N, C-alpha and C. Protein backbone atom coordinates (compact mmCIF):
# COMPACT_ATOMS: atom_id res chain seq x y z
N UNK A 1 52.20 -12.29 41.80
CA UNK A 1 51.83 -13.56 42.40
C UNK A 1 50.39 -13.91 42.00
N UNK A 2 50.20 -15.13 41.55
CA UNK A 2 48.88 -15.59 41.13
C UNK A 2 48.22 -16.35 42.27
N UNK A 3 46.99 -15.99 42.56
CA UNK A 3 46.24 -16.61 43.63
C UNK A 3 45.54 -17.87 43.11
N UNK A 4 45.62 -18.96 43.86
CA UNK A 4 44.95 -20.19 43.44
C UNK A 4 43.44 -19.95 43.36
N UNK A 5 42.85 -20.39 42.28
CA UNK A 5 41.42 -20.21 42.07
C UNK A 5 41.07 -18.95 41.31
N UNK A 6 42.09 -18.21 40.87
CA UNK A 6 41.83 -16.99 40.11
C UNK A 6 41.17 -17.33 38.78
N UNK A 7 40.38 -16.40 38.25
CA UNK A 7 39.74 -16.67 36.96
C UNK A 7 40.78 -16.77 35.84
N UNK A 8 40.53 -17.68 34.93
CA UNK A 8 41.44 -17.85 33.81
C UNK A 8 42.65 -18.72 34.12
N UNK A 9 42.61 -19.46 35.22
CA UNK A 9 43.71 -20.35 35.59
C UNK A 9 43.19 -21.78 35.68
N UNK A 10 44.12 -22.74 35.70
CA UNK A 10 43.72 -24.14 35.82
C UNK A 10 43.06 -24.40 37.17
N UNK A 11 43.56 -23.77 38.22
CA UNK A 11 42.95 -23.97 39.54
C UNK A 11 41.55 -23.35 39.58
N UNK A 12 41.36 -22.21 38.92
CA UNK A 12 40.04 -21.61 38.83
C UNK A 12 39.07 -22.49 38.06
N UNK A 13 39.56 -23.07 36.97
CA UNK A 13 38.73 -23.97 36.18
C UNK A 13 38.34 -25.20 36.99
N UNK A 14 39.27 -25.78 37.72
CA UNK A 14 38.95 -26.97 38.51
C UNK A 14 38.00 -26.63 39.66
N UNK A 15 38.14 -25.45 40.24
CA UNK A 15 37.22 -25.01 41.29
C UNK A 15 35.80 -24.88 40.73
N UNK A 16 35.67 -24.28 39.56
CA UNK A 16 34.35 -24.10 38.94
C UNK A 16 33.75 -25.43 38.52
N UNK A 17 34.57 -26.32 37.99
CA UNK A 17 34.05 -27.63 37.59
C UNK A 17 33.60 -28.43 38.80
N UNK A 18 34.33 -28.32 39.90
CA UNK A 18 33.92 -28.99 41.14
C UNK A 18 32.58 -28.47 41.64
N UNK A 19 32.43 -27.14 41.61
CA UNK A 19 31.15 -26.54 42.00
C UNK A 19 30.02 -27.07 41.13
N UNK A 20 30.27 -27.07 39.83
CA UNK A 20 29.24 -27.53 38.89
C UNK A 20 28.89 -29.00 39.13
N UNK A 21 29.90 -29.84 39.26
CA UNK A 21 29.63 -31.28 39.41
C UNK A 21 28.87 -31.59 40.68
N UNK A 22 29.26 -30.98 41.80
CA UNK A 22 28.54 -31.25 43.06
C UNK A 22 27.13 -30.67 43.03
N UNK A 23 26.95 -29.49 42.43
CA UNK A 23 25.61 -28.90 42.33
C UNK A 23 24.73 -29.75 41.42
N UNK A 24 25.27 -30.18 40.29
CA UNK A 24 24.50 -31.02 39.37
C UNK A 24 24.17 -32.37 40.01
N UNK A 25 25.12 -32.92 40.76
CA UNK A 25 24.86 -34.19 41.44
C UNK A 25 23.76 -34.02 42.49
N UNK A 26 23.78 -32.90 43.19
CA UNK A 26 22.74 -32.65 44.19
C UNK A 26 21.36 -32.56 43.53
N UNK A 27 21.28 -31.85 42.43
CA UNK A 27 20.01 -31.73 41.71
C UNK A 27 19.55 -33.09 41.21
N UNK A 28 20.44 -33.85 40.61
CA UNK A 28 20.07 -35.17 40.06
C UNK A 28 19.62 -36.13 41.15
N UNK A 29 20.36 -36.16 42.25
CA UNK A 29 20.02 -37.09 43.33
C UNK A 29 18.69 -36.68 43.97
N UNK A 30 18.53 -35.39 44.26
CA UNK A 30 17.29 -34.94 44.90
C UNK A 30 16.09 -35.15 43.99
N UNK A 31 16.26 -34.87 42.71
CA UNK A 31 15.11 -35.03 41.80
C UNK A 31 14.75 -36.50 41.58
N UNK A 32 15.67 -37.40 41.90
CA UNK A 32 15.35 -38.82 41.79
C UNK A 32 14.61 -39.35 43.02
N UNK A 33 14.55 -38.54 44.09
CA UNK A 33 13.87 -38.95 45.31
C UNK A 33 12.36 -38.77 45.15
N UNK A 34 11.64 -39.81 45.40
CA UNK A 34 10.19 -39.75 45.28
C UNK A 34 9.63 -38.90 46.43
N UNK A 35 8.83 -37.91 46.07
CA UNK A 35 8.17 -37.09 47.08
C UNK A 35 8.96 -35.89 47.56
N UNK A 36 10.09 -35.59 46.93
CA UNK A 36 10.88 -34.44 47.39
C UNK A 36 10.10 -33.13 47.26
N UNK A 37 9.22 -33.04 46.27
CA UNK A 37 8.48 -31.80 46.00
C UNK A 37 7.47 -31.48 47.10
N UNK A 38 7.23 -32.40 48.01
CA UNK A 38 6.31 -32.15 49.12
C UNK A 38 6.95 -31.28 50.21
N UNK A 39 8.25 -31.03 50.09
CA UNK A 39 8.98 -30.31 51.14
C UNK A 39 9.65 -29.08 50.53
N UNK A 40 9.30 -27.92 51.04
CA UNK A 40 9.77 -26.66 50.49
C UNK A 40 11.29 -26.56 50.52
N UNK A 41 11.91 -27.03 51.59
CA UNK A 41 13.37 -26.93 51.71
C UNK A 41 14.06 -27.70 50.58
N UNK A 42 13.51 -28.82 50.19
CA UNK A 42 14.13 -29.61 49.12
C UNK A 42 13.90 -28.96 47.76
N UNK A 43 12.76 -28.32 47.58
CA UNK A 43 12.52 -27.57 46.33
C UNK A 43 13.46 -26.39 46.24
N UNK A 44 13.68 -25.71 47.35
CA UNK A 44 14.62 -24.59 47.40
C UNK A 44 16.03 -25.07 47.10
N UNK A 45 16.38 -26.25 47.61
CA UNK A 45 17.71 -26.82 47.33
C UNK A 45 17.88 -27.06 45.83
N UNK A 46 16.87 -27.60 45.19
CA UNK A 46 16.94 -27.84 43.74
C UNK A 46 17.11 -26.52 42.99
N UNK A 47 16.35 -25.51 43.36
CA UNK A 47 16.43 -24.22 42.68
C UNK A 47 17.80 -23.58 42.89
N UNK A 48 18.28 -23.61 44.11
CA UNK A 48 19.57 -22.99 44.43
C UNK A 48 20.73 -23.73 43.75
N UNK A 49 20.69 -25.04 43.78
CA UNK A 49 21.76 -25.81 43.16
C UNK A 49 21.69 -25.71 41.64
N UNK A 50 20.51 -25.55 41.10
CA UNK A 50 20.38 -25.31 39.66
C UNK A 50 21.04 -24.00 39.25
N UNK A 51 20.78 -22.96 40.04
CA UNK A 51 21.43 -21.67 39.79
C UNK A 51 22.94 -21.78 39.95
N UNK A 52 23.38 -22.48 40.99
CA UNK A 52 24.82 -22.66 41.22
C UNK A 52 25.46 -23.41 40.06
N UNK A 53 24.79 -24.43 39.58
CA UNK A 53 25.34 -25.21 38.46
C UNK A 53 25.47 -24.35 37.21
N UNK A 54 24.44 -23.56 36.91
CA UNK A 54 24.50 -22.70 35.72
C UNK A 54 25.60 -21.65 35.83
N UNK A 55 25.70 -20.99 36.98
CA UNK A 55 26.72 -19.97 37.21
C UNK A 55 28.12 -20.59 37.09
N UNK A 56 28.31 -21.72 37.75
CA UNK A 56 29.64 -22.35 37.74
C UNK A 56 30.01 -22.87 36.36
N UNK A 57 29.05 -23.44 35.65
CA UNK A 57 29.34 -23.92 34.30
C UNK A 57 29.70 -22.77 33.38
N UNK A 58 28.97 -21.67 33.49
CA UNK A 58 29.27 -20.50 32.67
C UNK A 58 30.67 -19.97 32.93
N UNK A 59 31.04 -19.88 34.20
CA UNK A 59 32.39 -19.38 34.52
C UNK A 59 33.47 -20.40 34.20
N UNK A 60 33.14 -21.68 34.27
CA UNK A 60 34.11 -22.70 33.86
C UNK A 60 34.38 -22.59 32.36
N UNK A 61 33.33 -22.36 31.58
CA UNK A 61 33.52 -22.16 30.14
C UNK A 61 34.36 -20.92 29.87
N UNK A 62 34.12 -19.86 30.63
CA UNK A 62 34.92 -18.65 30.48
C UNK A 62 36.38 -18.90 30.85
N UNK A 63 36.61 -19.65 31.92
CA UNK A 63 37.98 -20.02 32.31
C UNK A 63 38.64 -20.86 31.22
N UNK A 64 37.90 -21.82 30.68
CA UNK A 64 38.45 -22.65 29.62
C UNK A 64 38.81 -21.84 28.39
N UNK A 65 37.95 -20.89 28.03
CA UNK A 65 38.22 -20.01 26.90
C UNK A 65 39.47 -19.18 27.16
N UNK A 66 39.57 -18.62 28.36
CA UNK A 66 40.73 -17.79 28.70
C UNK A 66 42.02 -18.60 28.67
N UNK A 67 41.95 -19.83 29.14
CA UNK A 67 43.14 -20.69 29.11
C UNK A 67 43.53 -21.04 27.68
N UNK A 68 42.54 -21.36 26.86
CA UNK A 68 42.82 -21.75 25.48
C UNK A 68 43.37 -20.59 24.66
N UNK A 69 42.82 -19.40 24.87
CA UNK A 69 43.24 -18.23 24.10
C UNK A 69 44.34 -17.41 24.79
N UNK A 70 44.75 -17.90 25.99
CA UNK A 70 45.79 -17.23 26.77
C UNK A 70 45.41 -15.77 27.07
N UNK A 71 44.19 -15.58 27.54
CA UNK A 71 43.66 -14.27 27.90
C UNK A 71 43.69 -14.10 29.42
N UNK A 72 43.81 -12.87 29.86
CA UNK A 72 43.75 -12.53 31.28
C UNK A 72 42.31 -12.15 31.64
N UNK A 73 41.85 -12.62 32.78
CA UNK A 73 40.50 -12.28 33.24
C UNK A 73 40.57 -11.48 34.54
N UNK A 74 41.56 -10.65 34.68
CA UNK A 74 41.77 -9.93 35.93
C UNK A 74 41.38 -8.47 35.86
N UNK A 75 40.54 -8.08 34.91
CA UNK A 75 40.11 -6.68 34.87
C UNK A 75 39.17 -6.41 36.05
N UNK A 76 39.17 -5.19 36.52
CA UNK A 76 38.38 -4.83 37.70
C UNK A 76 36.88 -5.04 37.48
N UNK A 77 36.41 -4.78 36.28
CA UNK A 77 34.99 -4.94 35.98
C UNK A 77 34.59 -6.42 36.05
N UNK A 78 35.39 -7.28 35.43
CA UNK A 78 35.09 -8.71 35.45
C UNK A 78 35.16 -9.27 36.87
N UNK A 79 36.20 -8.90 37.60
CA UNK A 79 36.36 -9.41 38.96
C UNK A 79 35.20 -8.93 39.84
N UNK A 80 34.75 -7.68 39.63
CA UNK A 80 33.60 -7.17 40.39
C UNK A 80 32.35 -7.99 40.10
N UNK A 81 32.14 -8.33 38.84
CA UNK A 81 31.01 -9.17 38.46
C UNK A 81 31.12 -10.55 39.10
N UNK A 82 32.32 -11.12 39.07
CA UNK A 82 32.54 -12.44 39.67
C UNK A 82 32.29 -12.40 41.17
N UNK A 83 32.72 -11.32 41.83
CA UNK A 83 32.53 -11.19 43.28
C UNK A 83 31.04 -11.20 43.62
N UNK A 84 30.28 -10.37 42.93
CA UNK A 84 28.84 -10.28 43.22
C UNK A 84 28.15 -11.62 42.94
N UNK A 85 28.42 -12.21 41.78
CA UNK A 85 27.81 -13.49 41.43
C UNK A 85 28.19 -14.60 42.38
N UNK A 86 29.47 -14.66 42.72
CA UNK A 86 29.92 -15.72 43.64
C UNK A 86 29.32 -15.56 45.03
N UNK A 87 29.27 -14.34 45.53
CA UNK A 87 28.71 -14.14 46.87
C UNK A 87 27.21 -14.44 46.88
N UNK A 88 26.49 -14.03 45.87
CA UNK A 88 25.05 -14.31 45.82
C UNK A 88 24.81 -15.81 45.75
N UNK A 89 25.47 -16.49 44.84
CA UNK A 89 25.24 -17.94 44.71
C UNK A 89 25.75 -18.69 45.94
N UNK A 90 26.82 -18.21 46.54
CA UNK A 90 27.34 -18.87 47.74
C UNK A 90 26.37 -18.75 48.91
N UNK A 91 25.81 -17.56 49.10
CA UNK A 91 24.86 -17.36 50.20
C UNK A 91 23.58 -18.17 49.96
N UNK A 92 23.09 -18.16 48.73
CA UNK A 92 21.90 -18.95 48.42
C UNK A 92 22.16 -20.44 48.61
N UNK A 93 23.33 -20.91 48.19
CA UNK A 93 23.68 -22.32 48.34
C UNK A 93 23.78 -22.72 49.80
N UNK A 94 24.37 -21.83 50.60
CA UNK A 94 24.50 -22.13 52.03
C UNK A 94 23.13 -22.19 52.70
N UNK A 95 22.28 -21.23 52.37
CA UNK A 95 20.94 -21.22 52.96
C UNK A 95 20.15 -22.46 52.56
N UNK A 96 20.23 -22.84 51.30
CA UNK A 96 19.50 -24.02 50.83
C UNK A 96 20.06 -25.30 51.45
N UNK A 97 21.38 -25.39 51.55
CA UNK A 97 22.00 -26.58 52.15
C UNK A 97 21.62 -26.71 53.62
N UNK A 98 21.64 -25.60 54.34
CA UNK A 98 21.28 -25.63 55.75
C UNK A 98 19.81 -25.98 55.96
N UNK A 99 18.93 -25.41 55.13
CA UNK A 99 17.50 -25.71 55.29
C UNK A 99 17.23 -27.18 54.98
N UNK A 100 17.84 -27.69 53.91
CA UNK A 100 17.65 -29.11 53.58
C UNK A 100 18.26 -30.00 54.65
N UNK A 101 19.42 -29.60 55.14
CA UNK A 101 20.07 -30.37 56.21
C UNK A 101 19.23 -30.41 57.47
N UNK A 102 18.59 -29.30 57.81
CA UNK A 102 17.77 -29.28 59.02
C UNK A 102 16.53 -30.17 58.86
N UNK A 103 15.97 -30.22 57.66
CA UNK A 103 14.82 -31.09 57.42
C UNK A 103 15.26 -32.56 57.51
N UNK A 104 16.43 -32.86 56.97
CA UNK A 104 16.95 -34.24 57.04
C UNK A 104 17.17 -34.65 58.49
N UNK A 105 17.75 -33.76 59.29
CA UNK A 105 17.96 -34.07 60.72
C UNK A 105 16.62 -34.23 61.43
N UNK A 106 15.68 -33.35 61.11
CA UNK A 106 14.34 -33.45 61.71
C UNK A 106 13.72 -34.81 61.39
N UNK A 107 13.78 -35.20 60.13
CA UNK A 107 13.19 -36.48 59.72
C UNK A 107 13.86 -37.67 60.39
N UNK A 108 15.18 -37.64 60.46
CA UNK A 108 15.93 -38.81 60.91
C UNK A 108 16.09 -38.88 62.43
N UNK A 109 16.45 -37.77 63.05
CA UNK A 109 16.83 -37.81 64.47
C UNK A 109 15.75 -37.31 65.43
N UNK A 110 14.91 -36.38 64.98
CA UNK A 110 13.95 -35.78 65.90
C UNK A 110 12.57 -36.40 65.82
N UNK A 111 12.02 -36.50 64.63
CA UNK A 111 10.66 -37.03 64.46
C UNK A 111 10.65 -38.52 64.11
N UNK A 112 11.80 -39.09 63.81
CA UNK A 112 11.94 -40.51 63.47
C UNK A 112 11.07 -40.93 62.29
N UNK A 113 10.86 -39.99 61.35
CA UNK A 113 10.09 -40.32 60.16
C UNK A 113 10.78 -41.39 59.32
N UNK A 114 12.09 -41.36 59.28
CA UNK A 114 12.83 -42.31 58.43
C UNK A 114 12.67 -43.75 58.91
N UNK A 115 12.64 -43.94 60.21
CA UNK A 115 12.47 -45.31 60.72
C UNK A 115 11.00 -45.74 60.69
N UNK A 116 10.07 -44.79 60.79
CA UNK A 116 8.64 -45.11 60.77
C UNK A 116 8.10 -45.36 59.37
N UNK A 117 8.64 -44.62 58.40
CA UNK A 117 8.14 -44.73 57.03
C UNK A 117 9.26 -45.22 56.11
N UNK A 118 9.30 -46.52 55.83
CA UNK A 118 10.40 -47.05 55.01
C UNK A 118 10.36 -46.59 53.55
N UNK A 119 9.24 -46.00 53.13
CA UNK A 119 9.13 -45.53 51.75
C UNK A 119 9.70 -44.12 51.58
N UNK A 120 10.01 -43.45 52.67
CA UNK A 120 10.59 -42.11 52.61
C UNK A 120 12.08 -42.24 52.27
N UNK A 121 12.54 -41.64 51.18
CA UNK A 121 13.93 -41.83 50.73
C UNK A 121 14.92 -40.94 51.51
N UNK A 122 15.07 -41.19 52.79
CA UNK A 122 15.92 -40.35 53.65
C UNK A 122 17.38 -40.39 53.22
N UNK A 123 17.86 -41.54 52.81
CA UNK A 123 19.25 -41.65 52.35
C UNK A 123 19.51 -40.80 51.12
N UNK A 124 18.54 -40.74 50.24
CA UNK A 124 18.65 -39.91 49.04
C UNK A 124 18.65 -38.43 49.41
N UNK A 125 17.79 -38.05 50.35
CA UNK A 125 17.77 -36.67 50.82
C UNK A 125 19.13 -36.29 51.44
N UNK A 126 19.68 -37.20 52.22
CA UNK A 126 20.97 -36.95 52.87
C UNK A 126 22.09 -36.80 51.84
N UNK A 127 22.11 -37.66 50.86
CA UNK A 127 23.15 -37.61 49.84
C UNK A 127 23.08 -36.31 49.03
N UNK A 128 21.88 -35.92 48.64
CA UNK A 128 21.71 -34.67 47.88
C UNK A 128 22.15 -33.47 48.71
N UNK A 129 21.83 -33.50 50.00
CA UNK A 129 22.23 -32.40 50.88
C UNK A 129 23.75 -32.38 51.07
N UNK A 130 24.36 -33.54 51.16
CA UNK A 130 25.83 -33.59 51.28
C UNK A 130 26.49 -33.03 50.02
N UNK A 131 25.98 -33.39 48.86
CA UNK A 131 26.52 -32.82 47.61
C UNK A 131 26.35 -31.30 47.58
N UNK A 132 25.22 -30.83 48.08
CA UNK A 132 24.97 -29.38 48.12
C UNK A 132 25.97 -28.68 49.03
N UNK A 133 26.27 -29.26 50.17
CA UNK A 133 27.26 -28.66 51.07
C UNK A 133 28.65 -28.65 50.45
N UNK A 134 28.99 -29.70 49.72
CA UNK A 134 30.29 -29.73 49.04
C UNK A 134 30.36 -28.66 47.95
N UNK A 135 29.28 -28.48 47.22
CA UNK A 135 29.23 -27.43 46.21
C UNK A 135 29.35 -26.06 46.87
N UNK A 136 28.67 -25.88 48.00
CA UNK A 136 28.77 -24.61 48.71
C UNK A 136 30.19 -24.34 49.20
N UNK A 137 30.87 -25.36 49.70
CA UNK A 137 32.24 -25.17 50.20
C UNK A 137 33.15 -24.66 49.08
N UNK A 138 33.02 -25.23 47.90
CA UNK A 138 33.82 -24.77 46.77
C UNK A 138 33.38 -23.38 46.32
N UNK A 139 32.09 -23.12 46.40
CA UNK A 139 31.57 -21.81 46.02
C UNK A 139 32.05 -20.73 46.99
N UNK A 140 32.05 -21.03 48.27
CA UNK A 140 32.53 -20.08 49.27
C UNK A 140 34.02 -19.82 49.08
N UNK A 141 34.77 -20.85 48.75
CA UNK A 141 36.20 -20.68 48.48
C UNK A 141 36.40 -19.74 47.30
N UNK A 142 35.63 -19.96 46.26
CA UNK A 142 35.72 -19.11 45.08
C UNK A 142 35.33 -17.67 45.41
N UNK A 143 34.28 -17.50 46.21
CA UNK A 143 33.85 -16.15 46.59
C UNK A 143 34.93 -15.43 47.38
N UNK A 144 35.59 -16.14 48.27
CA UNK A 144 36.68 -15.52 49.04
C UNK A 144 37.87 -15.16 48.16
N UNK A 145 38.20 -16.02 47.22
CA UNK A 145 39.30 -15.73 46.29
C UNK A 145 38.97 -14.49 45.46
N UNK A 146 37.74 -14.43 44.96
CA UNK A 146 37.35 -13.27 44.14
C UNK A 146 37.36 -11.99 44.96
N UNK A 147 36.89 -12.07 46.20
CA UNK A 147 36.91 -10.89 47.06
C UNK A 147 38.34 -10.45 47.34
N UNK A 148 39.23 -11.40 47.56
CA UNK A 148 40.63 -11.10 47.80
C UNK A 148 41.25 -10.44 46.55
N UNK A 149 40.93 -10.96 45.39
CA UNK A 149 41.44 -10.36 44.17
C UNK A 149 40.94 -8.93 43.98
N UNK A 150 39.67 -8.72 44.27
CA UNK A 150 39.10 -7.37 44.14
C UNK A 150 39.73 -6.41 45.13
N UNK A 151 39.94 -6.88 46.35
CA UNK A 151 40.52 -6.03 47.40
C UNK A 151 41.99 -5.70 47.11
N UNK A 152 42.67 -6.61 46.46
CA UNK A 152 44.11 -6.40 46.21
C UNK A 152 44.38 -5.66 44.90
N UNK A 153 43.34 -5.41 44.10
CA UNK A 153 43.59 -4.73 42.83
C UNK A 153 43.46 -3.23 42.93
């Protein structure tokens, strides 16, 4: 039985491409916000999503290669590497998304910076954080699939 999201499958490729696209969108949107570098949480989000994008793109290329050449990517060594990489990037992505989300809530709902300062790009911060959470959700799904594959092998 093949698990959805396994490496070297179409579902695995689509999962990795989704992670990459949402992470890249988060980086692009956040970097377009004027003044994002003044806030550590947003800088951490850029760094974490950059790492997530690179990891996901690399594994998407590996999935594409495996599909094209009809290769299996289910060896214990490869799956172990995928498990560690996915869990590390997933935890970093979650931490960065939560920290950026908390700053966005602080700005908008608690300190009312967004309503006081119309030049603060709060909508852009929110959009980048939403993309980061979507990337994390796909990354966590992938991490769970990889862990399940490792445990069942």
